[in-house]
């Protein structure tokens, strides 16, 4: 991740995040790789990921794989997400966190 994005994330107060889309992006940005849909702990995590892919929220590139294809724990309803770090820019992150 770019240094300016890491520096910006340090200024974000996690407890003051107002939307689930912000929470989803923060979780993806601070993870080390794949993140389970169940670990987001927000309603409709897959919809929030879809939001992050939209132009309105920065057009982030988010990969999705099933637990089975990644050979990770989980059933047929467990999916994992990962941000393509090349799509992460300070401008896009600020668009979400406002």
PDB file of N, CA and C in Angstrom:
ATOM      1  N   UNK A   1       0.849  -1.174   0.000  1.00  0.00           N
ATOM      2  CA  UNK A   1       0.000   0.000   0.000  1.00  0.00           C
ATOM      3  C   UNK A   1       0.894   1.237   0.000  1.00  0.00           C
ATOM      4  N   UNK A   2       0.429   2.248  -0.623  1.00  0.00           N
ATOM      5  CA  UNK A   2       1.202   3.482  -0.736  1.00  0.00           C
ATOM      6  C   UNK A   2       1.344   4.169   0.619  1.00  0.00           C
ATOM      7  N   UNK A   3       2.475   4.820   0.789  1.00  0.00           N
ATOM      8  CA  UNK A   3       2.798   5.463   2.068  1.00  0.00           C
ATOM      9  C   UNK A   3       1.781   6.527   2.446  1.00  0.00           C
ATOM     10  N   UNK A   4       1.314   7.297   1.457  1.00  0.00           N
ATOM     11  CA  UNK A   4       0.361   8.367   1.783  1.00  0.00           C
ATOM     12  C   UNK A   4      -0.980   7.807   2.246  1.00  0.00           C
ATOM     13  N   UNK A   5      -1.353   6.642   1.736  1.00  0.00           N
ATOM     14  CA  UNK A   5      -2.600   5.999   2.172  1.00  0.00           C
ATOM     15  C   UNK A   5      -2.428   5.475   3.599  1.00  0.00           C
ATOM     16  N   UNK A   6      -1.289   4.863   3.890  1.00  0.00           N
ATOM     17  CA  UNK A   6      -1.027   4.374   5.243  1.00  0.00           C
ATOM     18  C   UNK A   6      -1.033   5.531   6.241  1.00  0.00           C
ATOM     19  N   UNK A   7      -0.435   6.634   5.866  1.00  0.00           N
ATOM     20  CA  UNK A   7      -0.403   7.811   6.737  1.00  0.00           C
ATOM     21  C   UNK A   7      -1.817   8.339   6.981  1.00  0.00           C
ATOM     22  N   UNK A   8      -2.623   8.370   5.926  1.00  0.00           N
ATOM     23  CA  UNK A   8      -4.010   8.834   6.049  1.00  0.00           C
ATOM     24  C   UNK A   8      -4.817   7.918   6.961  1.00  0.00           C
ATOM     25  N   UNK A   9      -4.620   6.608   6.828  1.00  0.00           N
ATOM     26  CA  UNK A   9      -5.373   5.643   7.651  1.00  0.00           C
ATOM     27  C   UNK A   9      -5.109   5.834   9.142  1.00  0.00           C
ATOM     28  N   UNK A  10      -3.922   6.294   9.469  1.00  0.00           N
ATOM     29  CA  UNK A  10      -3.602   6.532  10.881  1.00  0.00           C
ATOM     30  C   UNK A  10      -4.427   7.668  11.464  1.00  0.00           C
ATOM     31  N   UNK A  11      -4.953   8.538  10.604  1.00  0.00           N
ATOM     32  CA  UNK A  11      -5.762   9.665  11.074  1.00  0.00           C
ATOM     33  C   UNK A  11      -7.248   9.310  11.175  1.00  0.00           C
ATOM     34  N   UNK A  12      -7.629   8.157  10.642  1.00  0.00           N
ATOM     35  CA  UNK A  12      -9.034   7.747  10.636  1.00  0.00           C
ATOM     36  C   UNK A  12      -9.403   7.173  11.997  1.00  0.00           C
ATOM     37  N   UNK A  13     -10.443   7.725  12.594  1.00  0.00           N
ATOM     38  CA  UNK A  13     -10.966   7.219  13.859  1.00  0.00           C
ATOM     39  C   UNK A  13     -11.973   6.118  13.539  1.00  0.00           C
ATOM     40  N   UNK A  14     -11.595   4.884  13.793  1.00  0.00           N
ATOM     41  CA  UNK A  14     -12.427   3.739  13.436  1.00  0.00           C
ATOM     42  C   UNK A  14     -13.805   3.827  14.080  1.00  0.00           C
ATOM     43  N   UNK A  15     -13.857   4.311  15.285  1.00  0.00           N
ATOM     44  CA  UNK A  15     -15.146   4.394  15.991  1.00  0.00           C
ATOM     45  C   UNK A  15     -16.082   5.442  15.407  1.00  0.00           C
ATOM     46  N   UNK A  16     -15.543   6.349  14.609  1.00  0.00           N
ATOM     47  CA  UNK A  16     -16.393   7.391  14.037  1.00  0.00           C
ATOM     48  C   UNK A  16     -16.837   7.074  12.610  1.00  0.00           C
ATOM     49  N   UNK A  17     -16.499   5.895  12.105  1.00  0.00           N
ATOM     50  CA  UNK A  17     -16.942   5.533  10.761  1.00  0.00           C
ATOM     51  C   UNK A  17     -18.463   5.456  10.754  1.00  0.00           C
ATOM     52  N   UNK A  18     -19.070   6.132   9.787  1.00  0.00           N
ATOM     53  CA  UNK A  18     -20.524   6.288   9.798  1.00  0.00           C
ATOM     54  C   UNK A  18     -21.271   5.283   8.937  1.00  0.00           C
ATOM     55  N   UNK A  19     -20.609   4.724   7.925  1.00  0.00           N
ATOM     56  CA  UNK A  19     -21.317   3.805   7.034  1.00  0.00           C
ATOM     57  C   UNK A  19     -20.632   2.447   7.005  1.00  0.00           C
ATOM     58  N   UNK A  20     -21.395   1.447   6.617  1.00  0.00           N
ATOM     59  CA  UNK A  20     -20.838   0.105   6.506  1.00  0.00           C
ATOM     60  C   UNK A  20     -19.863  -0.004   5.340  1.00  0.00           C
ATOM     61  N   UNK A  21     -20.020   0.846   4.339  1.00  0.00           N
ATOM     62  CA  UNK A  21     -19.063   0.867   3.227  1.00  0.00           C
ATOM     63  C   UNK A  21     -17.707   1.349   3.724  1.00  0.00           C
ATOM     64  N   UNK A  22     -17.702   2.346   4.583  1.00  0.00           N
ATOM     65  CA  UNK A  22     -16.447   2.820   5.179  1.00  0.00           C
ATOM     66  C   UNK A  22     -15.810   1.717   6.019  1.00  0.00           C
ATOM     67  N   UNK A  23     -16.612   1.025   6.793  1.00  0.00           N
ATOM     68  CA  UNK A  23     -16.098  -0.060   7.634  1.00  0.00           C
ATOM     69  C   UNK A  23     -15.511  -1.190   6.788  1.00  0.00           C
ATOM     70  N   UNK A  24     -16.178  -1.513   5.682  1.00  0.00           N
ATOM     71  CA  UNK A  24     -15.686  -2.570   4.797  1.00  0.00           C
ATOM     72  C   UNK A  24     -14.348  -2.175   4.178  1.00  0.00           C
ATOM     73  N   UNK A  25     -14.248  -0.943   3.704  1.00  0.00           N
ATOM     74  CA  UNK A  25     -12.985  -0.498   3.105  1.00  0.00           C
ATOM     75  C   UNK A  25     -11.872  -0.485   4.140  1.00  0.00           C
ATOM     76  N   UNK A  26     -12.157   0.003   5.325  1.00  0.00           N
ATOM     77  CA  UNK A  26     -11.132   0.038   6.370  1.00  0.00           C
ATOM     78  C   UNK A  26     -10.638  -1.378   6.670  1.00  0.00           C
ATOM     79  N   UNK A  27     -11.546  -2.306   6.740  1.00  0.00           N
ATOM     80  CA  UNK A  27     -11.182  -3.713   7.030  1.00  0.00           C
ATOM     81  C   UNK A  27     -10.288  -4.271   5.919  1.00  0.00           C
ATOM     82  N   UNK A  28     -10.629  -3.986   4.673  1.00  0.00           N
ATOM     83  CA  UNK A  28      -9.819  -4.469   3.556  1.00  0.00           C
ATOM     84  C   UNK A  28      -8.443  -3.807   3.524  1.00  0.00           C
ATOM     85  N   UNK A  29      -8.404  -2.525   3.832  1.00  0.00           N
ATOM     86  CA  UNK A  29      -7.135  -1.798   3.797  1.00  0.00           C
ATOM     87  C   UNK A  29      -6.186  -2.222   4.913  1.00  0.00           C
ATOM     88  N   UNK A  30      -6.735  -2.625   6.030  1.00  0.00           N
ATOM     89  CA  UNK A  30      -5.888  -2.969   7.173  1.00  0.00           C
ATOM     90  C   UNK A  30      -5.647  -4.471   7.310  1.00  0.00           C
ATOM     91  N   UNK A  31      -6.130  -5.244   6.356  1.00  0.00           N
ATOM     92  CA  UNK A  31      -5.923  -6.695   6.416  1.00  0.00           C
ATOM     93  C   UNK A  31      -4.627  -7.064   5.702  1.00  0.00           C
ATOM     94  N   UNK A  32      -4.199  -8.268   5.940  1.00  0.00           N
ATOM     95  CA  UNK A  32      -3.019  -8.816   5.265  1.00  0.00           C
ATOM     96  C   UNK A  32      -3.462  -9.908   4.307  1.00  0.00           C
ATOM     97  N   UNK A  33      -4.131  -9.523   3.251  1.00  0.00           N
ATOM     98  CA  UNK A  33      -4.560 -10.511   2.270  1.00  0.00           C
ATOM     99  C   UNK A  33      -6.055 -10.715   2.250  1.00  0.00           C
ATOM    100  N   UNK A  34      -6.454 -11.962   2.170  1.00  0.00           N
ATOM    101  CA  UNK A  34      -7.873 -12.319   2.023  1.00  0.00           C
ATOM    102  C   UNK A  34      -8.652 -12.102   3.319  1.00  0.00           C
ATOM    103  N   UNK A  35      -9.886 -11.594   3.165  1.00  0.00           N
ATOM    104  CA  UNK A  35     -10.768 -11.326   4.302  1.00  0.00           C
ATOM    105  C   UNK A  35     -12.077 -12.072   4.092  1.00  0.00           C
ATOM    106  N   UNK A  36     -12.477 -12.847   5.069  1.00  0.00           N
ATOM    107  CA  UNK A  36     -13.720 -13.608   4.997  1.00  0.00           C
ATOM    108  C   UNK A  36     -14.919 -12.674   5.075  1.00  0.00           C
ATOM    109  N   UNK A  37     -15.971 -12.994   4.313  1.00  0.00           N
ATOM    110  CA  UNK A  37     -17.181 -12.178   4.365  1.00  0.00           C
ATOM    111  C   UNK A  37     -17.768 -12.146   5.776  1.00  0.00           C
ATOM    112  N   UNK A  38     -17.538 -13.165   6.553  1.00  0.00           N
ATOM    113  CA  UNK A  38     -18.078 -13.215   7.910  1.00  0.00           C
ATOM    114  C   UNK A  38     -17.265 -12.386   8.902  1.00  0.00           C
ATOM    115  N   UNK A  39     -16.033 -12.073   8.561  1.00  0.00           N
ATOM    116  CA  UNK A  39     -15.199 -11.299   9.484  1.00  0.00           C
ATOM    117  C   UNK A  39     -15.439  -9.798   9.399  1.00  0.00           C
ATOM    118  N   UNK A  40     -16.222  -9.353   8.409  1.00  0.00           N
ATOM    119  CA  UNK A  40     -16.515  -7.920   8.305  1.00  0.00           C
ATOM    120  C   UNK A  40     -17.394  -7.443   9.450  1.00  0.00           C
ATOM    121  N   UNK A  41     -18.259  -8.328   9.918  1.00  0.00           N
ATOM    122  CA  UNK A  41     -19.175  -8.018  11.021  1.00  0.00           C
ATOM    123  C   UNK A  41     -20.041  -6.789  10.731  1.00  0.00           C
ATOM    124  N   UNK A  42     -20.497  -6.717   9.482  1.00  0.00           N
ATOM    125  CA  UNK A  42     -21.446  -5.692   9.073  1.00  0.00           C
ATOM    126  C   UNK A  42     -22.535  -6.377   8.256  1.00  0.00           C
ATOM    127  N   UNK A  43     -23.734  -5.807   8.245  1.00  0.00           N
ATOM    128  CA  UNK A  43     -24.792  -6.399   7.424  1.00  0.00           C
ATOM    129  C   UNK A  43     -24.463  -6.268   5.941  1.00  0.00           C
ATOM    130  N   UNK A  44     -24.777  -7.274   5.175  1.00  0.00           N
ATOM    131  CA  UNK A  44     -24.633  -7.253   3.722  1.00  0.00           C
ATOM    132  C   UNK A  44     -23.235  -6.854   3.254  1.00  0.00           C
ATOM    133  N   UNK A  45     -22.240  -7.554   3.726  1.00  0.00           N
ATOM    134  CA  UNK A  45     -20.850  -7.244   3.362  1.00  0.00           C
ATOM    135  C   UNK A  45     -20.645  -7.296   1.846  1.00  0.00           C
ATOM    136  N   UNK A  46     -21.261  -8.253   1.180  1.00  0.00           N
ATOM    137  CA  UNK A  46     -21.067  -8.364  -0.268  1.00  0.00           C
ATOM    138  C   UNK A  46     -21.627  -7.146  -1.002  1.00  0.00           C
ATOM    139  N   UNK A  47     -22.695  -6.573  -0.495  1.00  0.00           N
ATOM    140  CA  UNK A  47     -23.238  -5.350  -1.102  1.00  0.00           C
ATOM    141  C   UNK A  47     -22.305  -4.174  -0.897  1.00  0.00           C
ATOM    142  N   UNK A  48     -21.682  -4.096   0.261  1.00  0.00           N
ATOM    143  CA  UNK A  48     -20.734  -3.001   0.519  1.00  0.00           C
ATOM    144  C   UNK A  48     -19.497  -3.141  -0.357  1.00  0.00           C
ATOM    145  N   UNK A  49     -19.080  -4.379  -0.619  1.00  0.00           N
ATOM    146  CA  UNK A  49     -17.968  -4.616  -1.537  1.00  0.00           C
ATOM    147  C   UNK A  49     -18.367  -4.154  -2.932  1.00  0.00           C
ATOM    148  N   UNK A  50     -19.589  -4.457  -3.327  1.00  0.00           N
ATOM    149  CA  UNK A  50     -20.097  -3.999  -4.632  1.00  0.00           C
ATOM    150  C   UNK A  50     -20.087  -2.481  -4.698  1.00  0.00           C
ATOM    151  N   UNK A  51     -20.446  -1.828  -3.594  1.00  0.00           N
ATOM    152  CA  UNK A  51     -20.383  -0.366  -3.549  1.00  0.00           C
ATOM    153  C   UNK A  51     -18.969   0.127  -3.816  1.00  0.00           C
ATOM    154  N   UNK A  52     -17.985  -0.507  -3.195  1.00  0.00           N
ATOM    155  CA  UNK A  52     -16.594  -0.083  -3.364  1.00  0.00           C
ATOM    156  C   UNK A  52     -16.127  -0.236  -4.801  1.00  0.00           C
ATOM    157  N   UNK A  53     -16.710  -1.153  -5.521  1.00  0.00           N
ATOM    158  CA  UNK A  53     -16.352  -1.345  -6.929  1.00  0.00           C
ATOM    159  C   UNK A  53     -16.981  -0.280  -7.832  1.00  0.00           C
ATOM    160  N   UNK A  54     -18.024   0.374  -7.357  1.00  0.00           N
ATOM    161  CA  UNK A  54     -18.720   1.363  -8.186  1.00  0.00           C
ATOM    162  C   UNK A  54     -17.924   2.663  -8.287  1.00  0.00           C
ATOM    163  N   UNK A  55     -18.201   3.409  -9.326  1.00  0.00           N
ATOM    164  CA  UNK A  55     -17.508   4.677  -9.563  1.00  0.00           C
ATOM    165  C   UNK A  55     -17.748   5.677  -8.428  1.00  0.00           C
ATOM    166  N   UNK A  56     -18.948   5.669  -7.889  1.00  0.00           N
ATOM    167  CA  UNK A  56     -19.306   6.594  -6.803  1.00  0.00           C
ATOM    168  C   UNK A  56     -18.369   6.455  -5.601  1.00  0.00           C
ATOM    169  N   UNK A  57     -17.905   5.242  -5.338  1.00  0.00           N
ATOM    170  CA  UNK A  57     -17.054   4.981  -4.177  1.00  0.00           C
ATOM    171  C   UNK A  57     -15.590   4.729  -4.529  1.00  0.00           C
ATOM    172  N   UNK A  58     -15.184   5.046  -5.736  1.00  0.00           N
ATOM    173  CA  UNK A  58     -13.774   4.984  -6.064  1.00  0.00           C
ATOM    174  C   UNK A  58     -13.326   3.925  -7.034  1.00  0.00           C
ATOM    175  N   UNK A  59     -14.224   3.069  -7.478  1.00  0.00           N
ATOM    176  CA  UNK A  59     -13.882   2.021  -8.455  1.00  0.00           C
ATOM    177  C   UNK A  59     -12.713   1.140  -8.008  1.00  0.00           C
ATOM    178  N   UNK A  60     -12.743   0.713  -6.766  1.00  0.00           N
ATOM    179  CA  UNK A  60     -11.705  -0.184  -6.263  1.00  0.00           C
ATOM    180  C   UNK A  60     -11.821  -1.538  -6.952  1.00  0.00           C
ATOM    181  N   UNK A  61     -10.700  -2.180  -7.167  1.00  0.00           N
ATOM    182  CA  UNK A  61     -10.685  -3.538  -7.700  1.00  0.00           C
ATOM    183  C   UNK A  61     -10.631  -4.491  -6.515  1.00  0.00           C
ATOM    184  N   UNK A  62     -11.716  -5.227  -6.334  1.00  0.00           N
ATOM    185  CA  UNK A  62     -11.814  -6.155  -5.219  1.00  0.00           C
ATOM    186  C   UNK A  62     -12.031  -7.557  -5.782  1.00  0.00           C
ATOM    187  N   UNK A  63     -11.141  -8.457  -5.449  1.00  0.00           N
ATOM    188  CA  UNK A  63     -11.251  -9.845  -5.883  1.00  0.00           C
ATOM    189  C   UNK A  63     -12.137 -10.611  -4.914  1.00  0.00           C
ATOM    190  N   UNK A  64     -12.817 -11.598  -5.432  1.00  0.00           N
ATOM    191  CA  UNK A  64     -13.674 -12.454  -4.614  1.00  0.00           C
ATOM    192  C   UNK A  64     -13.403 -13.901  -4.991  1.00  0.00           C
ATOM    193  N   UNK A  65     -13.227 -14.740  -3.971  1.00  0.00           N
ATOM    194  CA  UNK A  65     -13.005 -16.172  -4.181  1.00  0.00           C
ATOM    195  C   UNK A  65     -13.759 -16.944  -3.102  1.00  0.00           C
ATOM    196  N   UNK A  66     -14.192 -18.124  -3.447  1.00  0.00           N
ATOM    197  CA  UNK A  66     -14.863 -18.966  -2.460  1.00  0.00           C
ATOM    198  C   UNK A  66     -13.817 -19.593  -1.547  1.00  0.00           C
ATOM    199  N   UNK A  67     -14.264 -19.964  -0.372  1.00  0.00           N
ATOM    200  CA  UNK A  67     -13.371 -20.632   0.581  1.00  0.00           C
ATOM    201  C   UNK A  67     -12.840 -21.924  -0.022  1.00  0.00           C
ATOM    202  N   UNK A  68     -13.680 -22.603  -0.766  1.00  0.00           N
ATOM    203  CA  UNK A  68     -13.290 -23.879  -1.364  1.00  0.00           C
ATOM    204  C   UNK A  68     -12.166 -23.670  -2.383  1.00  0.00           C
ATOM    205  N   UNK A  69     -12.288 -22.640  -3.224  1.00  0.00           N
ATOM    206  CA  UNK A  69     -11.255 -22.421  -4.246  1.00  0.00           C
ATOM    207  C   UNK A  69      -9.927 -21.970  -3.636  1.00  0.00           C
ATOM    208  N   UNK A  70      -9.989 -21.327  -2.473  1.00  0.00           N
ATOM    209  CA  UNK A  70      -8.768 -20.903  -1.781  1.00  0.00           C
ATOM    210  C   UNK A  70      -8.261 -21.963  -0.809  1.00  0.00           C
ATOM    211  N   UNK A  71      -9.018 -23.059  -0.691  1.00  0.00           N
ATOM    212  CA  UNK A  71      -8.700 -24.125   0.252  1.00  0.00           C
ATOM    213  C   UNK A  71      -8.584 -23.603   1.678  1.00  0.00           C
ATOM    214  N   UNK A  72      -9.573 -22.774   2.037  1.00  0.00           N
ATOM    215  CA  UNK A  72      -9.647 -22.220   3.385  1.00  0.00           C
ATOM    216  C   UNK A  72     -10.876 -22.778   4.086  1.00  0.00           C
ATOM    217  N   UNK A  73     -10.948 -22.540   5.381  1.00  0.00           N
ATOM    218  CA  UNK A  73     -12.106 -22.980   6.148  1.00  0.00           C
ATOM    219  C   UNK A  73     -13.348 -22.255   5.651  1.00  0.00           C
ATOM    220  N   UNK A  74     -14.437 -22.977   5.650  1.00  0.00           N
ATOM    221  CA  UNK A  74     -15.708 -22.371   5.281  1.00  0.00           C
ATOM    222  C   UNK A  74     -16.550 -23.316   4.458  1.00  0.00           C
ATOM    223  N   UNK A  75     -17.815 -22.948   4.345  1.00  0.00           N
ATOM    224  CA  UNK A  75     -18.750 -23.758   3.580  1.00  0.00           C
ATOM    225  C   UNK A  75     -19.000 -23.097   2.226  1.00  0.00           C
ATOM    226  N   UNK A  76     -20.040 -23.528   1.557  1.00  0.00           N
ATOM    227  CA  UNK A  76     -20.351 -23.005   0.224  1.00  0.00           C
ATOM    228  C   UNK A  76     -20.769 -21.539   0.255  1.00  0.00           C
ATOM    229  N   UNK A  77     -21.067 -21.013   1.433  1.00  0.00           N
ATOM    230  CA  UNK A  77     -21.504 -19.620   1.554  1.00  0.00           C
ATOM    231  C   UNK A  77     -20.418 -18.709   2.111  1.00  0.00           C
ATOM    232  N   UNK A  78     -19.220 -19.210   2.233  1.00  0.00           N
ATOM    233  CA  UNK A  78     -18.117 -18.404   2.749  1.00  0.00           C
ATOM    234  C   UNK A  78     -17.262 -17.934   1.575  1.00  0.00           C
ATOM    235  N   UNK A  79     -17.119 -16.625   1.496  1.00  0.00           N
ATOM    236  CA  UNK A  79     -16.321 -16.021   0.435  1.00  0.00           C
ATOM    237  C   UNK A  79     -15.245 -15.136   1.051  1.00  0.00           C
ATOM    238  N   UNK A  80     -14.180 -14.976   0.321  1.00  0.00           N
ATOM    239  CA  UNK A  80     -13.064 -14.146   0.760  1.00  0.00           C
ATOM    240  C   UNK A  80     -12.839 -13.028  -0.251  1.00  0.00           C
ATOM    241  N   UNK A  81     -12.486 -11.862   0.268  1.00  0.00           N
ATOM    242  CA  UNK A  81     -12.265 -10.678  -0.559  1.00  0.00           C
ATOM    243  C   UNK A  81     -10.858 -10.149  -0.335  1.00  0.00           C
ATOM    244  N   UNK A  82     -10.309  -9.526  -1.397  1.00  0.00           N
ATOM    245  CA  UNK A  82      -8.988  -8.923  -1.303  1.00  0.00           C
ATOM    246  C   UNK A  82      -8.934  -7.724  -2.238  1.00  0.00           C
ATOM    247  N   UNK A  83      -8.381  -6.624  -1.731  1.00  0.00           N
ATOM    248  CA  UNK A  83      -8.202  -5.423  -2.543  1.00  0.00           C
ATOM    249  C   UNK A  83      -6.980  -5.572  -3.439  1.00  0.00           C
ATOM    250  N   UNK A  84      -7.125  -5.176  -4.683  1.00  0.00           N
ATOM    251  CA  UNK A  84      -5.962  -5.063  -5.553  1.00  0.00           C
ATOM    252  C   UNK A  84      -5.258  -3.773  -5.148  1.00  0.00           C
ATOM    253  N   UNK A  85      -4.071  -3.882  -4.599  1.00  0.00           N
ATOM    254  CA  UNK A  85      -3.361  -2.714  -4.055  1.00  0.00           C
ATOM    255  C   UNK A  85      -3.059  -1.670  -5.120  1.00  0.00           C
ATOM    256  N   UNK A  86      -2.997  -2.070  -6.387  1.00  0.00           N
ATOM    257  CA  UNK A  86      -2.761  -1.099  -7.460  1.00  0.00           C
ATOM    258  C   UNK A  86      -3.937  -0.155  -7.650  1.00  0.00           C
ATOM    259  N   UNK A  87      -5.121  -0.554  -7.197  1.00  0.00           N
ATOM    260  CA  UNK A  87      -6.297   0.301  -7.348  1.00  0.00           C
ATOM    261  C   UNK A  87      -6.492   1.242  -6.157  1.00  0.00           C
ATOM    262  N   UNK A  88      -5.628   1.143  -5.154  1.00  0.00           N
ATOM    263  CA  UNK A  88      -5.759   1.964  -3.952  1.00  0.00           C
ATOM    264  C   UNK A  88      -4.938   3.241  -4.112  1.00  0.00           C
ATOM    265  N   UNK A  89      -5.644   4.367  -4.146  1.00  0.00           N
ATOM    266  CA  UNK A  89      -4.986   5.670  -4.188  1.00  0.00           C
ATOM    267  C   UNK A  89      -5.558   6.526  -3.067  1.00  0.00           C
ATOM    268  N   UNK A  90      -4.826   7.550  -2.690  1.00  0.00           N
ATOM    269  CA  UNK A  90      -5.301   8.436  -1.622  1.00  0.00           C
ATOM    270  C   UNK A  90      -6.622   9.090  -2.012  1.00  0.00           C
ATOM    271  N   UNK A  91      -6.754   9.489  -3.242  1.00  0.00           N
ATOM    272  CA  UNK A  91      -7.998  10.115  -3.707  1.00  0.00           C
ATOM    273  C   UNK A  91      -9.193   9.199  -3.584  1.00  0.00           C
ATOM    274  N   UNK A  92      -9.019   7.950  -3.961  1.00  0.00           N
ATOM    275  CA  UNK A  92     -10.113   6.986  -3.866  1.00  0.00           C
ATOM    276  C   UNK A  92     -10.468   6.710  -2.412  1.00  0.00           C
ATOM    277  N   UNK A  93      -9.474   6.582  -1.564  1.00  0.00           N
ATOM    278  CA  UNK A  93      -9.730   6.319  -0.136  1.00  0.00           C
ATOM    279  C   UNK A  93     -10.451   7.515   0.475  1.00  0.00           C
ATOM    280  N   UNK A  94     -10.016   8.698   0.161  1.00  0.00           N
ATOM    281  CA  UNK A  94     -10.679   9.903   0.697  1.00  0.00           C
ATOM    282  C   UNK A  94     -12.117  10.026   0.209  1.00  0.00           C
ATOM    283  N   UNK A  95     -12.372   9.561  -0.990  1.00  0.00           N
ATOM    284  CA  UNK A  95     -13.751   9.615  -1.531  1.00  0.00           C
ATOM    285  C   UNK A  95     -14.692   8.828  -0.632  1.00  0.00           C
ATOM    286  N   UNK A  96     -14.234   7.705  -0.113  1.00  0.00           N
ATOM    287  CA  UNK A  96     -15.072   6.881   0.747  1.00  0.00           C
ATOM    288  C   UNK A  96     -15.163   7.453   2.155  1.00  0.00           C
ATOM    289  N   UNK A  97     -14.032   7.867   2.707  1.00  0.00           N
ATOM    290  CA  UNK A  97     -14.028   8.337   4.084  1.00  0.00           C
ATOM    291  C   UNK A  97     -14.458   9.790   4.223  1.00  0.00           C
ATOM    292  N   UNK A  98     -14.482  10.489   3.094  1.00  0.00           N
ATOM    293  CA  UNK A  98     -14.975  11.868   3.059  1.00  0.00           C
ATOM    294  C   UNK A  98     -14.260  12.775   3.976  1.00  0.00           C
TER     295      UNK A  98
END
